[in-house]
C-alpha atoms as a PDB file:
ATOM      1  CA  MET A   1     -34.376 -28.108   2.327  1.00  0.00           C
ATOM      2  CA  ALA A   2     -30.800 -28.302   1.581  1.00  0.00           C
ATOM      3  CA  THR A   3     -28.514 -24.988   2.073  1.00  0.00           C
ATOM      4  CA  LYS A   4     -26.286 -23.936  -0.718  1.00  0.00           C
ATOM      5  CA  ASN A   5     -22.955 -23.129  -0.677  1.00  0.00           C
ATOM      6  CA  TYR A   6     -22.240 -19.782  -2.280  1.00  0.00           C
ATOM      7  CA  ALA A   7     -18.820 -19.674  -1.743  1.00  0.00           C
ATOM      8  CA  SER A   8     -18.101 -22.232  -4.416  1.00  0.00           C
ATOM      9  CA  CYS A   9     -19.942 -19.779  -7.129  1.00  0.00           C
ATOM     10  CA  LYS A  10     -16.904 -17.209  -6.320  1.00  0.00           C
ATOM     11  CA  PRO A  11     -14.355 -17.110  -9.381  1.00  0.00           C
ATOM     12  CA  LYS A  12     -11.027 -18.790  -8.316  1.00  0.00           C
ATOM     13  CA  ASN A  13      -8.894 -15.972  -9.464  1.00  0.00           C
ATOM     14  CA  VAL A  14     -10.641 -13.086  -7.668  1.00  0.00           C
ATOM     15  CA  ALA A  15      -7.723 -13.442  -5.125  1.00  0.00           C
ATOM     16  CA  ALA A  16      -5.214 -13.297  -7.668  1.00  0.00           C
ATOM     17  CA  GLN A  17      -7.074 -10.109  -9.400  1.00  0.00           C
ATOM     18  CA  ASN A  18      -6.860  -8.455  -6.245  1.00  0.00           C
ATOM     19  CA  LEU A  19      -3.063  -9.286  -5.426  1.00  0.00           C
ATOM     20  CA  SER A  20      -2.184  -7.791  -8.942  1.00  0.00           C
ATOM     21  CA  GLN A  21      -4.142  -4.612  -8.963  1.00  0.00           C
ATOM     22  CA  LYS A  22      -2.090  -1.617  -8.285  1.00  0.00           C
ATOM     23  CA  GLU A  23      -2.810   0.826  -5.556  1.00  0.00           C
ATOM     24  CA  ARG A  24      -1.528   4.267  -4.890  1.00  0.00           C
ATOM     25  CA  PHE A  25       1.400   4.608  -2.063  1.00  0.00           C
ATOM     26  CA  VAL A  26       3.443   7.497  -1.374  1.00  0.00           C
ATOM     27  CA  ARG A  27       7.557   7.672  -1.683  1.00  0.00           C
ATOM     28  CA  VAL A  28       8.371  10.614   0.857  1.00  0.00           C
ATOM     29  CA  GLU A  29      11.990  11.496   0.613  1.00  0.00           C
ATOM     30  CA  PHE A  30      14.279  13.494   3.026  1.00  0.00           C
ATOM     31  CA  ASP A  31      17.604  14.085   3.272  1.00  0.00           C
ATOM     32  CA  GLY A  32      18.973  11.439   0.975  1.00  0.00           C
ATOM     33  CA  THR A  33      16.496   8.559   2.431  1.00  0.00           C
ATOM     34  CA  TYR A  34      12.987   7.539   1.554  1.00  0.00           C
ATOM     35  CA  ALA A  35      10.164   5.828   2.937  1.00  0.00           C
ATOM     36  CA  ILE A  36       7.079   4.016   0.960  1.00  0.00           C
ATOM     37  CA  MET A  37       3.756   4.162   2.918  1.00  0.00           C
ATOM     38  CA  GLU A  38       0.334   4.365   2.656  1.00  0.00           C
ATOM     39  CA  ALA A  39      -1.141   7.821   1.399  1.00  0.00           C
ATOM     40  CA  ALA A  40      -2.795   8.385   4.786  1.00  0.00           C
ATOM     41  CA  GLU A  41       0.264   7.821   6.713  1.00  0.00           C
ATOM     42  CA  SER A  42       1.963  10.299   4.674  1.00  0.00           C
ATOM     43  CA  ARG A  43      -0.349  12.983   5.248  1.00  0.00           C
ATOM     44  CA  ALA A  44      -0.482  12.215   8.650  1.00  0.00           C
ATOM     45  CA  MET A  45       3.375  12.323   9.075  1.00  0.00           C
ATOM     46  CA  GLN A  46       3.144  15.862   7.290  1.00  0.00           C
ATOM     47  CA  SER A  47       0.750  17.205   9.337  1.00  0.00           C
ATOM     48  CA  ASP A  48       3.080  15.988  12.457  1.00  0.00           C
ATOM     49  CA  SER A  49       6.398  17.516  11.395  1.00  0.00           C
ATOM     50  CA  ASP A  50       7.688  20.905  10.469  1.00  0.00           C
ATOM     51  CA  GLU A  51       9.987  19.398   7.908  1.00  0.00           C
ATOM     52  CA  VAL A  52       9.690  19.663   4.149  1.00  0.00           C
ATOM     53  CA  TYR A  53       9.425  16.231   2.372  1.00  0.00           C
ATOM     54  CA  LYS A  54       9.564  15.350  -1.347  1.00  0.00           C
ATOM     55  CA  LEU A  55       6.477  13.343  -2.230  1.00  0.00           C
ATOM     56  CA  SER A  56       5.730  11.250  -5.318  1.00  0.00           C
ATOM     57  CA  ASP A  57       2.922   8.715  -5.806  1.00  0.00           C
ATOM     58  CA  ILE A  58       3.607   4.959  -7.010  1.00  0.00           C
ATOM     59  CA  TYR A  59       1.704   2.206  -7.566  1.00  0.00           C
ATOM     60  CA  LEU A  60       2.291  -1.087  -6.493  1.00  0.00           C
ATOM     61  CA  THR A  61       0.417  -4.281  -6.055  1.00  0.00           C
ATOM     62  CA  ARG A  62      -0.226  -4.824  -2.237  1.00  0.00           C
ATOM     63  CA  ASP A  63       1.964  -7.828  -2.447  1.00  0.00           C
ATOM     64  CA  GLN A  64       4.793  -5.841  -3.698  1.00  0.00           C
ATOM     65  CA  PHE A  65       4.317  -3.094  -0.935  1.00  0.00           C
ATOM     66  CA  ASP A  66       3.915  -5.791   1.977  1.00  0.00           C
ATOM     67  CA  ASN A  67       7.376  -7.111   0.933  1.00  0.00           C
ATOM     68  CA  ILE A  68       9.302  -3.885   1.142  1.00  0.00           C
ATOM     69  CA  PRO A  69      11.665  -4.051   4.017  1.00  0.00           C
ATOM     70  CA  GLU A  70      10.508  -2.188   7.166  1.00  0.00           C
ATOM     71  CA  PHE A  71      11.560   1.762   7.415  1.00  0.00           C
ATOM     72  CA  ALA A  72      14.090   2.436  10.004  1.00  0.00           C
ATOM     73  CA  GLY A  73      13.801   6.213   9.921  1.00  0.00           C
ATOM     74  CA  PHE A  74      15.337   9.368   8.199  1.00  0.00           C
END
């Protein structure tokens, strides 16, 4: 009995759809500088700090987020 290769049944554009799907990230501002991070990271940062940050939701594709330069710190 031959085994079927179900990987070939997967639509070819699934990866492209996932890359173009917007996700929620958070822009965290403090003292004139900002960082864009995962929502969970922003919650953890807030709970570990006594500082007051300005938070705003932004929506980016995963690819856009991955291409943002690393944050150097406030």
